[in-house]
Amino acid sequence: MEIITGVLLGLSTLIFMGAVFFYLIKTAVVSGRKAGIAVATGIILGDIIYVALLLFGFSEILKNLTTNKWFAFLGALIIISMGIHYLIKKHHVSEINSTSSVSLWVHFTKGFVLNFINPFVATVWIGFLAINEAKFIDQDAVITSLTITLLVIFITDLLKVFFAEKLRKFLTPSVLKNAYKIMGVVMILFGLKLAYYFI
């Protein structure tokens, strides 16, 4: 039963299309599969940390963090700043190539930061923990379910990367330019939305 619960909770995250989702897709399309995997790895690390904190009894601290205005402001500021960067920076079609090990670390870090500083993410994991604790008395079953959820999330993110990477051959200079503008606008809007809900 805990395996089914974990899978269903993991699949439920597919409906969330926030700044992290768009950054993951953009990275895979523009910078390739390795960069996309780096972002997905950074994202799942943030999720793993939240789950670990919850399992070690820090749920109250996380609840306070998700309602902390300064934490929300920081998250909104980072997302909006990245959006502005994509809007004003000049991008060239030559950027569509394999990334170096240094840039992979940059993608990994951005994926982690974008996911970890979003109070919505912590709220979702608090909800997932509550669902599991309501369904299972055994703590091992709760851990198993949450582990399966993490695994499903990581696998679905990797699938997004592999499918998005197929779009690289359709990128032209004009398409790339418009893609970055759209990405910038989307991230600014998500940052403003985050600020509206939590500040």
N, C-alpha and C. Protein backbone atom coordinates (compact mmCIF):
# COMPACT_ATOMS: atom_id res chain seq x y z
N MET A 1 0.82 -1.21 0.00
CA MET A 1 0.00 0.00 0.00
C MET A 1 0.86 1.26 0.00
N GLU A 2 1.95 1.26 0.76
CA GLU A 2 2.80 2.45 0.81
C GLU A 2 3.47 2.73 -0.52
N ILE A 3 3.73 1.67 -1.30
CA ILE A 3 4.33 1.87 -2.62
C ILE A 3 3.34 2.59 -3.54
N ILE A 4 2.08 2.15 -3.51
CA ILE A 4 1.05 2.79 -4.34
C ILE A 4 0.87 4.24 -3.93
N THR A 5 0.82 4.49 -2.63
CA THR A 5 0.67 5.86 -2.13
C THR A 5 1.84 6.73 -2.59
N GLY A 6 3.05 6.20 -2.48
CA GLY A 6 4.24 6.95 -2.89
C GLY A 6 4.21 7.29 -4.37
N VAL A 7 3.81 6.31 -5.18
CA VAL A 7 3.74 6.54 -6.63
C VAL A 7 2.69 7.61 -6.96
N LEU A 8 1.52 7.49 -6.35
CA LEU A 8 0.44 8.44 -6.64
C LEU A 8 0.81 9.86 -6.21
N LEU A 9 1.46 9.99 -5.05
CA LEU A 9 1.88 11.31 -4.59
C LEU A 9 2.95 11.88 -5.53
N GLY A 10 3.87 11.02 -5.96
CA GLY A 10 4.90 11.48 -6.88
C GLY A 10 4.32 11.95 -8.20
N LEU A 11 3.36 11.19 -8.73
CA LEU A 11 2.73 11.56 -9.99
C LEU A 11 1.88 12.82 -9.86
N SER A 12 1.36 13.06 -8.65
CA SER A 12 0.52 14.24 -8.44
C SER A 12 1.30 15.53 -8.63
N THR A 13 2.63 15.47 -8.46
CA THR A 13 3.45 16.68 -8.61
C THR A 13 3.55 17.11 -10.07
N LEU A 14 3.11 16.27 -11.00
CA LEU A 14 3.16 16.63 -12.42
C LEU A 14 2.26 17.82 -12.74
N ILE A 15 1.29 18.08 -11.88
CA ILE A 15 0.37 19.19 -12.13
C ILE A 15 0.99 20.53 -11.74
N PHE A 16 2.12 20.49 -11.01
CA PHE A 16 2.78 21.73 -10.59
C PHE A 16 3.69 22.23 -11.70
N MET A 17 3.38 23.37 -12.27
CA MET A 17 4.19 23.93 -13.36
C MET A 17 4.70 25.30 -12.93
N GLY A 18 5.66 25.27 -12.01
CA GLY A 18 6.22 26.51 -11.49
C GLY A 18 7.50 26.90 -12.18
N ALA A 19 8.24 27.81 -11.55
CA ALA A 19 9.48 28.32 -12.13
C ALA A 19 10.50 27.20 -12.31
N VAL A 20 10.53 26.24 -11.39
CA VAL A 20 11.48 25.14 -11.47
C VAL A 20 11.21 24.30 -12.72
N PHE A 21 9.94 24.03 -12.98
CA PHE A 21 9.56 23.23 -14.15
C PHE A 21 10.06 23.90 -15.44
N PHE A 22 9.80 25.20 -15.57
CA PHE A 22 10.18 25.90 -16.79
C PHE A 22 11.70 26.02 -16.92
N TYR A 23 12.39 26.17 -15.79
CA TYR A 23 13.85 26.23 -15.86
C TYR A 23 14.43 24.87 -16.29
N LEU A 24 13.83 23.80 -15.79
CA LEU A 24 14.27 22.46 -16.16
C LEU A 24 14.12 22.23 -17.66
N ILE A 25 12.95 22.58 -18.20
CA ILE A 25 12.69 22.39 -19.63
C ILE A 25 13.60 23.28 -20.46
N LYS A 26 13.74 24.53 -20.07
CA LYS A 26 14.59 25.47 -20.81
C LYS A 26 16.02 24.98 -20.86
N THR A 27 16.52 24.52 -19.73
CA THR A 27 17.90 24.06 -19.67
C THR A 27 18.12 22.85 -20.58
N ALA A 28 17.18 21.91 -20.54
CA ALA A 28 17.31 20.71 -21.37
C ALA A 28 17.27 21.06 -22.86
N VAL A 29 16.40 22.00 -23.22
CA VAL A 29 16.25 22.38 -24.62
C VAL A 29 17.48 23.13 -25.12
N VAL A 30 17.95 24.08 -24.34
CA VAL A 30 19.04 24.95 -24.78
C VAL A 30 20.42 24.33 -24.55
N SER A 31 20.64 23.76 -23.36
CA SER A 31 21.97 23.30 -22.99
C SER A 31 22.18 21.80 -23.10
N GLY A 32 21.11 21.07 -23.36
CA GLY A 32 21.27 19.64 -23.58
C GLY A 32 20.93 18.76 -22.40
N ARG A 33 21.02 17.46 -22.65
CA ARG A 33 20.60 16.46 -21.68
C ARG A 33 21.39 16.49 -20.38
N LYS A 34 22.72 16.60 -20.48
CA LYS A 34 23.55 16.60 -19.27
C LYS A 34 23.20 17.76 -18.35
N ALA A 35 22.99 18.93 -18.94
CA ALA A 35 22.63 20.10 -18.14
C ALA A 35 21.27 19.91 -17.49
N GLY A 36 20.33 19.33 -18.25
CA GLY A 36 19.00 19.07 -17.70
C GLY A 36 19.05 18.09 -16.55
N ILE A 37 19.87 17.06 -16.69
CA ILE A 37 20.02 16.08 -15.60
C ILE A 37 20.63 16.75 -14.37
N ALA A 38 21.56 17.67 -14.60
CA ALA A 38 22.17 18.40 -13.48
C ALA A 38 21.11 19.21 -12.73
N VAL A 39 20.22 19.86 -13.47
CA VAL A 39 19.13 20.62 -12.84
C VAL A 39 18.21 19.68 -12.07
N ALA A 40 17.83 18.56 -12.69
CA ALA A 40 16.95 17.59 -12.03
C ALA A 40 17.57 17.06 -10.75
N THR A 41 18.88 16.86 -10.76
CA THR A 41 19.58 16.37 -9.57
C THR A 41 19.57 17.43 -8.46
N GLY A 42 19.76 18.69 -8.84
CA GLY A 42 19.68 19.77 -7.86
C GLY A 42 18.29 19.88 -7.25
N ILE A 43 17.28 19.72 -8.11
CA ILE A 43 15.89 19.79 -7.64
C ILE A 43 15.61 18.69 -6.62
N ILE A 44 15.98 17.46 -6.96
CA ILE A 44 15.66 16.34 -6.06
C ILE A 44 16.46 16.43 -4.76
N LEU A 45 17.65 17.01 -4.81
CA LEU A 45 18.42 17.18 -3.57
C LEU A 45 17.65 18.09 -2.60
N GLY A 46 17.07 19.17 -3.12
CA GLY A 46 16.27 20.04 -2.27
C GLY A 46 15.09 19.30 -1.65
N ASP A 47 14.43 18.44 -2.46
CA ASP A 47 13.32 17.64 -1.95
C ASP A 47 13.78 16.67 -0.87
N ILE A 48 14.93 16.03 -1.11
CA ILE A 48 15.46 15.07 -0.14
C ILE A 48 15.75 15.75 1.20
N ILE A 49 16.29 16.95 1.15
CA ILE A 49 16.59 17.68 2.39
C ILE A 49 15.30 17.99 3.14
N TYR A 50 14.26 18.42 2.43
CA TYR A 50 12.98 18.71 3.08
C TYR A 50 12.41 17.45 3.74
N VAL A 51 12.45 16.33 3.02
CA VAL A 51 11.94 15.07 3.57
C VAL A 51 12.74 14.64 4.79
N ALA A 52 14.05 14.77 4.71
CA ALA A 52 14.90 14.40 5.85
C ALA A 52 14.58 15.25 7.07
N LEU A 53 14.41 16.55 6.86
CA LEU A 53 14.08 17.44 7.98
C LEU A 53 12.75 17.05 8.61
N LEU A 54 11.78 16.71 7.77
CA LEU A 54 10.46 16.31 8.28
C LEU A 54 10.54 15.00 9.07
N LEU A 55 11.27 14.05 8.56
CA LEU A 55 11.39 12.75 9.23
C LEU A 55 12.16 12.85 10.53
N PHE A 56 13.05 13.83 10.63
CA PHE A 56 13.81 14.02 11.87
C PHE A 56 13.09 14.95 12.86
N GLY A 57 11.85 15.25 12.56
CA GLY A 57 11.02 15.98 13.51
C GLY A 57 11.08 17.49 13.43
N PHE A 58 11.48 18.03 12.28
CA PHE A 58 11.57 19.48 12.13
C PHE A 58 10.36 20.06 11.40
N SER A 59 9.22 19.38 11.46
CA SER A 59 8.04 19.83 10.73
C SER A 59 7.56 21.20 11.20
N GLU A 60 7.62 21.44 12.51
CA GLU A 60 7.17 22.73 13.03
C GLU A 60 8.06 23.87 12.53
N ILE A 61 9.37 23.59 12.47
CA ILE A 61 10.30 24.60 11.97
C ILE A 61 10.00 24.90 10.50
N LEU A 62 9.73 23.85 9.72
CA LEU A 62 9.42 24.06 8.31
C LEU A 62 8.10 24.79 8.13
N LYS A 63 7.13 24.49 8.98
CA LYS A 63 5.85 25.20 8.91
C LYS A 63 6.05 26.69 9.16
N ASN A 64 6.89 27.00 10.14
CA ASN A 64 7.18 28.41 10.42
C ASN A 64 7.95 29.05 9.26
N LEU A 65 8.83 28.24 8.64
CA LEU A 65 9.62 28.75 7.53
C LEU A 65 8.74 29.07 6.33
N THR A 66 7.75 28.21 6.07
CA THR A 66 6.89 28.43 4.90
C THR A 66 6.01 29.67 5.05
N THR A 67 5.83 30.13 6.27
CA THR A 67 5.03 31.34 6.48
C THR A 67 5.91 32.54 6.80
N ASN A 68 7.23 32.34 6.76
CA ASN A 68 8.15 33.43 7.06
C ASN A 68 8.24 34.38 5.88
N LYS A 69 7.93 35.64 6.11
CA LYS A 69 7.89 36.62 5.02
C LYS A 69 9.27 36.87 4.42
N TRP A 70 10.31 36.83 5.24
CA TRP A 70 11.64 37.08 4.72
C TRP A 70 12.12 35.95 3.82
N PHE A 71 11.79 34.72 4.20
CA PHE A 71 12.14 33.56 3.37
C PHE A 71 11.41 33.63 2.03
N ALA A 72 10.13 33.97 2.07
CA ALA A 72 9.35 34.11 0.85
C ALA A 72 9.89 35.25 -0.02
N PHE A 73 10.26 36.35 0.64
CA PHE A 73 10.79 37.49 -0.10
C PHE A 73 12.09 37.13 -0.81
N LEU A 74 12.95 36.37 -0.12
CA LEU A 74 14.21 35.94 -0.72
C LEU A 74 13.95 35.06 -1.94
N GLY A 75 13.03 34.12 -1.80
CA GLY A 75 12.70 33.25 -2.91
C GLY A 75 12.14 34.02 -4.09
N ALA A 76 11.23 34.96 -3.81
CA ALA A 76 10.65 35.77 -4.87
C ALA A 76 11.70 36.63 -5.55
N LEU A 77 12.60 37.18 -4.76
CA LEU A 77 13.65 38.05 -5.29
C LEU A 77 14.59 37.28 -6.23
N ILE A 78 14.97 36.07 -5.83
CA ILE A 78 15.87 35.25 -6.66
C ILE A 78 15.20 34.89 -7.98
N ILE A 79 13.94 34.48 -7.92
CA ILE A 79 13.22 34.09 -9.13
C ILE A 79 13.02 35.28 -10.06
N ILE A 80 12.64 36.43 -9.51
CA ILE A 80 12.44 37.63 -10.33
C ILE A 80 13.76 38.08 -10.94
N SER A 81 14.85 38.01 -10.17
CA SER A 81 16.17 38.40 -10.68
C SER A 81 16.59 37.54 -11.86
N MET A 82 16.35 36.24 -11.76
CA MET A 82 16.67 35.35 -12.87
C MET A 82 15.81 35.66 -14.08
N GLY A 83 14.55 36.00 -13.85
CA GLY A 83 13.66 36.37 -14.95
C GLY A 83 14.14 37.61 -15.67
N ILE A 84 14.55 38.62 -14.91
CA ILE A 84 15.06 39.86 -15.51
C ILE A 84 16.34 39.57 -16.29
N HIS A 85 17.18 38.67 -15.75
CA HIS A 85 18.42 38.30 -16.44
C HIS A 85 18.11 37.70 -17.82
N TYR A 86 17.13 36.82 -17.88
CA TYR A 86 16.78 36.21 -19.16
C TYR A 86 16.20 37.22 -20.14
N LEU A 87 15.54 38.26 -19.61
CA LEU A 87 14.94 39.27 -20.49
C LEU A 87 15.97 40.20 -21.11
N ILE A 88 16.97 40.59 -20.32
CA ILE A 88 17.89 41.63 -20.80
C ILE A 88 19.18 41.10 -21.41
N LYS A 89 19.55 39.84 -21.09
CA LYS A 89 20.81 39.30 -21.62
C LYS A 89 20.65 38.91 -23.08
N LYS A 90 21.65 39.19 -23.89
CA LYS A 90 21.65 38.79 -25.29
C LYS A 90 22.11 37.34 -25.39
N HIS A 91 21.29 36.52 -26.04
CA HIS A 91 21.60 35.11 -26.18
C HIS A 91 21.81 34.77 -27.65
N HIS A 92 22.68 33.83 -27.90
CA HIS A 92 23.02 33.46 -29.27
C HIS A 92 22.80 31.97 -29.48
N VAL A 93 22.54 31.62 -30.74
CA VAL A 93 22.26 30.22 -31.04
C VAL A 93 23.47 29.34 -30.76
N SER A 94 24.67 29.93 -30.69
CA SER A 94 25.87 29.16 -30.38
C SER A 94 25.85 28.60 -28.96
N GLU A 95 24.92 29.11 -28.14
CA GLU A 95 24.80 28.60 -26.77
C GLU A 95 24.26 27.18 -26.74
N ILE A 96 23.69 26.75 -27.87
CA ILE A 96 23.10 25.42 -27.91
C ILE A 96 24.20 24.40 -28.16
N ASN A 97 24.87 23.97 -27.14
CA ASN A 97 25.93 22.99 -27.27
C ASN A 97 26.13 22.25 -25.96
N SER A 98 27.08 21.35 -25.94
CA SER A 98 27.36 20.60 -24.71
C SER A 98 27.96 21.52 -23.68
N THR A 99 27.59 21.33 -22.42
CA THR A 99 28.07 22.20 -21.36
C THR A 99 29.30 21.60 -20.70
N SER A 100 30.11 22.45 -20.13
CA SER A 100 31.30 22.00 -19.42
C SER A 100 30.94 21.56 -18.02
N SER A 101 31.92 20.95 -17.33
CA SER A 101 31.66 20.49 -15.97
C SER A 101 31.35 21.67 -15.05
N VAL A 102 31.95 22.83 -15.33
CA VAL A 102 31.69 24.01 -14.50
C VAL A 102 30.24 24.45 -14.65
N SER A 103 29.77 24.53 -15.89
CA SER A 103 28.40 24.99 -16.11
C SER A 103 27.39 23.96 -15.60
N LEU A 104 27.76 22.69 -15.59
CA LEU A 104 26.86 21.69 -15.03
C LEU A 104 26.64 21.94 -13.54
N TRP A 105 27.71 22.34 -12.84
CA TRP A 105 27.56 22.69 -11.43
C TRP A 105 26.67 23.91 -11.26
N VAL A 106 26.76 24.85 -12.19
CA VAL A 106 25.91 26.04 -12.14
C VAL A 106 24.45 25.63 -12.30
N HIS A 107 24.18 24.76 -13.27
CA HIS A 107 22.80 24.29 -13.47
C HIS A 107 22.29 23.52 -12.25
N PHE A 108 23.15 22.68 -11.69
CA PHE A 108 22.79 21.93 -10.49
C PHE A 108 22.42 22.87 -9.35
N THR A 109 23.25 23.89 -9.15
CA THR A 109 23.02 24.85 -8.06
C THR A 109 21.74 25.63 -8.27
N LYS A 110 21.50 26.07 -9.51
CA LYS A 110 20.28 26.83 -9.80
C LYS A 110 19.04 25.97 -9.59
N GLY A 111 19.11 24.70 -10.01
CA GLY A 111 17.98 23.80 -9.79
C GLY A 111 17.69 23.62 -8.32
N PHE A 112 18.77 23.45 -7.54
CA PHE A 112 18.61 23.28 -6.09
C PHE A 112 18.03 24.53 -5.44
N VAL A 113 18.61 25.69 -5.76
CA VAL A 113 18.19 26.94 -5.13
C VAL A 113 16.75 27.28 -5.50
N LEU A 114 16.40 27.17 -6.79
CA LEU A 114 15.04 27.49 -7.23
C LEU A 114 14.01 26.63 -6.52
N ASN A 115 14.35 25.37 -6.28
CA ASN A 115 13.42 24.46 -5.63
C ASN A 115 13.38 24.68 -4.12
N PHE A 116 14.56 24.84 -3.52
CA PHE A 116 14.64 24.88 -2.06
C PHE A 116 14.11 26.17 -1.46
N ILE A 117 14.26 27.30 -2.17
CA ILE A 117 13.83 28.57 -1.60
C ILE A 117 12.35 28.85 -1.87
N ASN A 118 11.66 27.91 -2.46
CA ASN A 118 10.23 28.10 -2.75
C ASN A 118 9.39 27.55 -1.60
N PRO A 119 8.71 28.40 -0.84
CA PRO A 119 7.90 27.91 0.28
C PRO A 119 6.81 26.93 -0.13
N PHE A 120 6.34 27.01 -1.39
CA PHE A 120 5.33 26.08 -1.87
C PHE A 120 5.84 24.64 -1.79
N VAL A 121 7.12 24.45 -2.07
CA VAL A 121 7.71 23.11 -2.07
C VAL A 121 7.68 22.52 -0.66
N ALA A 122 8.10 23.31 0.31
CA ALA A 122 8.07 22.85 1.70
C ALA A 122 6.63 22.53 2.13
N THR A 123 5.69 23.36 1.70
CA THR A 123 4.28 23.15 2.05
C THR A 123 3.77 21.83 1.47
N VAL A 124 4.16 21.53 0.24
CA VAL A 124 3.75 20.28 -0.40
C VAL A 124 4.28 19.07 0.38
N TRP A 125 5.54 19.13 0.79
CA TRP A 125 6.11 17.99 1.51
C TRP A 125 5.51 17.84 2.90
N ILE A 126 5.16 18.94 3.53
CA ILE A 126 4.46 18.86 4.82
C ILE A 126 3.12 18.17 4.63
N GLY A 127 2.45 18.50 3.53
CA GLY A 127 1.17 17.85 3.21
C GLY A 127 1.34 16.37 2.93
N PHE A 128 2.38 16.01 2.17
CA PHE A 128 2.64 14.61 1.87
C PHE A 128 2.92 13.81 3.14
N LEU A 129 3.68 14.41 4.06
CA LEU A 129 3.96 13.73 5.32
C LEU A 129 2.67 13.51 6.11
N ALA A 130 1.81 14.52 6.13
CA ALA A 130 0.55 14.41 6.85
C ALA A 130 -0.33 13.29 6.26
N ILE A 131 -0.36 13.19 4.95
CA ILE A 131 -1.13 12.14 4.29
C ILE A 131 -0.61 10.76 4.68
N ASN A 132 0.70 10.61 4.64
CA ASN A 132 1.30 9.32 4.97
C ASN A 132 1.10 8.94 6.43
N GLU A 133 1.25 9.90 7.32
CA GLU A 133 1.07 9.61 8.75
C GLU A 133 -0.38 9.29 9.09
N ALA A 134 -1.30 9.83 8.28
CA ALA A 134 -2.72 9.52 8.49
C ALA A 134 -3.05 8.11 7.98
N LYS A 135 -2.30 7.63 6.96
CA LYS A 135 -2.58 6.34 6.36
C LYS A 135 -1.83 5.20 7.03
N PHE A 136 -0.62 5.49 7.53
CA PHE A 136 0.23 4.42 8.05
C PHE A 136 0.63 4.69 9.51
N ILE A 137 0.51 3.66 10.32
CA ILE A 137 0.94 3.76 11.71
C ILE A 137 2.44 3.50 11.81
N ASP A 138 2.92 2.58 11.00
CA ASP A 138 4.32 2.19 11.01
C ASP A 138 5.18 3.27 10.36
N GLN A 139 6.21 3.73 11.08
CA GLN A 139 7.10 4.77 10.56
C GLN A 139 7.88 4.29 9.34
N ASP A 140 8.19 3.00 9.30
CA ASP A 140 8.91 2.45 8.15
C ASP A 140 8.08 2.58 6.87
N ALA A 141 6.78 2.40 7.01
CA ALA A 141 5.88 2.53 5.85
C ALA A 141 5.86 3.98 5.36
N VAL A 142 5.88 4.94 6.29
CA VAL A 142 5.91 6.35 5.93
C VAL A 142 7.19 6.67 5.17
N ILE A 143 8.32 6.17 5.68
CA ILE A 143 9.61 6.42 5.03
C ILE A 143 9.63 5.79 3.64
N THR A 144 9.10 4.58 3.53
CA THR A 144 9.06 3.90 2.23
C THR A 144 8.23 4.68 1.23
N SER A 145 7.07 5.14 1.66
CA SER A 145 6.19 5.91 0.78
C SER A 145 6.85 7.20 0.31
N LEU A 146 7.47 7.93 1.23
CA LEU A 146 8.12 9.18 0.86
C LEU A 146 9.33 8.94 -0.05
N THR A 147 10.04 7.84 0.18
CA THR A 147 11.18 7.50 -0.68
C THR A 147 10.71 7.19 -2.10
N ILE A 148 9.61 6.46 -2.21
CA ILE A 148 9.04 6.16 -3.53
C ILE A 148 8.59 7.44 -4.21
N THR A 149 8.01 8.36 -3.44
CA THR A 149 7.59 9.65 -4.00
C THR A 149 8.78 10.41 -4.58
N LEU A 150 9.87 10.44 -3.83
CA LEU A 150 11.09 11.10 -4.31
C LEU A 150 11.59 10.45 -5.60
N LEU A 151 11.58 9.13 -5.62
CA LEU A 151 12.06 8.40 -6.80
C LEU A 151 11.20 8.70 -8.02
N VAL A 152 9.89 8.71 -7.83
CA VAL A 152 8.96 9.00 -8.94
C VAL A 152 9.17 10.42 -9.47
N ILE A 153 9.35 11.37 -8.55
CA ILE A 153 9.59 12.76 -8.96
C ILE A 153 10.87 12.87 -9.79
N PHE A 154 11.92 12.20 -9.34
CA PHE A 154 13.20 12.25 -10.06
C PHE A 154 13.08 11.61 -11.44
N ILE A 155 12.40 10.48 -11.51
CA ILE A 155 12.23 9.80 -12.80
C ILE A 155 11.42 10.65 -13.77
N THR A 156 10.33 11.26 -13.29
CA THR A 156 9.51 12.09 -14.17
C THR A 156 10.27 13.33 -14.63
N ASP A 157 11.11 13.88 -13.75
CA ASP A 157 11.94 15.02 -14.16
C ASP A 157 12.94 14.62 -15.24
N LEU A 158 13.50 13.42 -15.11
CA LEU A 158 14.43 12.93 -16.13
C LEU A 158 13.72 12.71 -17.45
N LEU A 159 12.50 12.22 -17.40
CA LEU A 159 11.71 12.03 -18.63
C LEU A 159 11.43 13.37 -19.29
N LYS A 160 11.15 14.39 -18.49
CA LYS A 160 10.94 15.73 -19.04
C LYS A 160 12.20 16.21 -19.77
N VAL A 161 13.35 15.93 -19.16
CA VAL A 161 14.63 16.33 -19.76
C VAL A 161 14.83 15.64 -21.11
N PHE A 162 14.61 14.31 -21.15
CA PHE A 162 14.85 13.55 -22.36
C PHE A 162 13.93 13.99 -23.50
N PHE A 163 12.66 14.28 -23.17
CA PHE A 163 11.73 14.71 -24.21
C PHE A 163 12.02 16.14 -24.66
N ALA A 164 12.34 17.02 -23.71
CA ALA A 164 12.63 18.41 -24.04
C ALA A 164 13.88 18.54 -24.88
N GLU A 165 14.87 17.69 -24.60
CA GLU A 165 16.15 17.76 -25.31
C GLU A 165 15.97 17.49 -26.81
N LYS A 166 14.91 16.77 -27.17
CA LYS A 166 14.63 16.46 -28.57
C LYS A 166 14.26 17.72 -29.36
N LEU A 167 13.88 18.79 -28.67
CA LEU A 167 13.46 20.01 -29.34
C LEU A 167 14.63 20.88 -29.78
N ARG A 168 15.85 20.52 -29.38
CA ARG A 168 17.01 21.37 -29.66
C ARG A 168 17.21 21.60 -31.15
N LYS A 169 16.92 20.60 -31.97
CA LYS A 169 17.18 20.72 -33.40
C LYS A 169 16.25 21.73 -34.09
N PHE A 170 15.19 22.12 -33.40
CA PHE A 170 14.26 23.08 -33.97
C PHE A 170 14.60 24.52 -33.58
N LEU A 171 15.64 24.70 -32.76
CA LEU A 171 15.98 26.04 -32.30
C LEU A 171 16.74 26.82 -33.36
N THR A 172 16.25 28.02 -33.63
CA THR A 172 16.91 28.97 -34.50
C THR A 172 17.22 30.20 -33.66
N PRO A 173 18.04 31.14 -34.15
CA PRO A 173 18.33 32.34 -33.35
C PRO A 173 17.06 33.08 -32.90
N SER A 174 16.08 33.22 -33.78
CA SER A 174 14.86 33.94 -33.40
C SER A 174 14.04 33.17 -32.38
N VAL A 175 13.98 31.84 -32.56
CA VAL A 175 13.24 31.00 -31.61
C VAL A 175 13.92 31.05 -30.24
N LEU A 176 15.25 30.97 -30.23
CA LEU A 176 16.00 31.03 -28.97
C LEU A 176 15.76 32.35 -28.25
N LYS A 177 15.80 33.44 -29.00
CA LYS A 177 15.60 34.76 -28.42
C LYS A 177 14.21 34.86 -27.79
N ASN A 178 13.20 34.39 -28.51
CA ASN A 178 11.83 34.44 -27.98
C ASN A 178 11.66 33.51 -26.79
N ALA A 179 12.34 32.36 -26.84
CA ALA A 179 12.24 31.40 -25.73
C ALA A 179 12.76 32.01 -24.44
N TYR A 180 13.88 32.73 -24.53
CA TYR A 180 14.45 33.36 -23.34
C TYR A 180 13.54 34.48 -22.82
N LYS A 181 12.92 35.21 -23.73
CA LYS A 181 12.00 36.26 -23.31
C LYS A 181 10.80 35.67 -22.58
N ILE A 182 10.26 34.59 -23.14
CA ILE A 182 9.13 33.93 -22.49
C ILE A 182 9.53 33.39 -21.13
N MET A 183 10.72 32.78 -21.07
CA MET A 183 11.22 32.26 -19.81
C MET A 183 11.37 33.37 -18.78
N GLY A 184 11.88 34.52 -19.21
CA GLY A 184 12.05 35.65 -18.31
C GLY A 184 10.72 36.14 -17.76
N VAL A 185 9.74 36.27 -18.64
CA VAL A 185 8.41 36.74 -18.22
C VAL A 185 7.78 35.74 -17.26
N VAL A 186 7.89 34.44 -17.59
CA VAL A 186 7.30 33.40 -16.74
C VAL A 186 7.90 33.44 -15.34
N MET A 187 9.22 33.56 -15.24
CA MET A 187 9.86 33.55 -13.93
C MET A 187 9.53 34.81 -13.13
N ILE A 188 9.42 35.94 -13.81
CA ILE A 188 9.03 37.17 -13.11
C ILE A 188 7.61 37.03 -12.57
N LEU A 189 6.72 36.46 -13.37
CA LEU A 189 5.33 36.28 -12.92
C LEU A 189 5.25 35.32 -11.74
N PHE A 190 6.03 34.23 -11.78
CA PHE A 190 6.02 33.30 -10.66
C PHE A 190 6.62 33.95 -9.40
N GLY A 191 7.64 34.76 -9.59
CA GLY A 191 8.22 35.46 -8.46
C GLY A 191 7.23 36.43 -7.82
N LEU A 192 6.49 37.15 -8.65
CA LEU A 192 5.47 38.08 -8.16
C LEU A 192 4.34 37.33 -7.47
N LYS A 193 3.98 36.17 -8.04
CA LYS A 193 2.93 35.35 -7.42
C LYS A 193 3.37 34.87 -6.05
N LEU A 194 4.62 34.44 -5.95
CA LEU A 194 5.16 34.00 -4.67
C LEU A 194 5.13 35.13 -3.65
N ALA A 195 5.53 36.30 -4.08
CA ALA A 195 5.53 37.47 -3.19
C ALA A 195 4.11 37.82 -2.75
N TYR A 196 3.15 37.70 -3.67
CA TYR A 196 1.76 38.03 -3.37
C TYR A 196 1.16 37.11 -2.31
N TYR A 197 1.46 35.81 -2.40
CA TYR A 197 0.88 34.84 -1.49
C TYR A 197 1.52 34.83 -0.11
N PHE A 198 2.82 35.15 -0.03
CA PHE A 198 3.53 34.97 1.22
C PHE A 198 3.99 36.26 1.88
N ILE A 199 3.88 37.39 1.16
CA ILE A 199 4.39 38.64 1.75
C ILE A 199 3.21 39.54 2.11
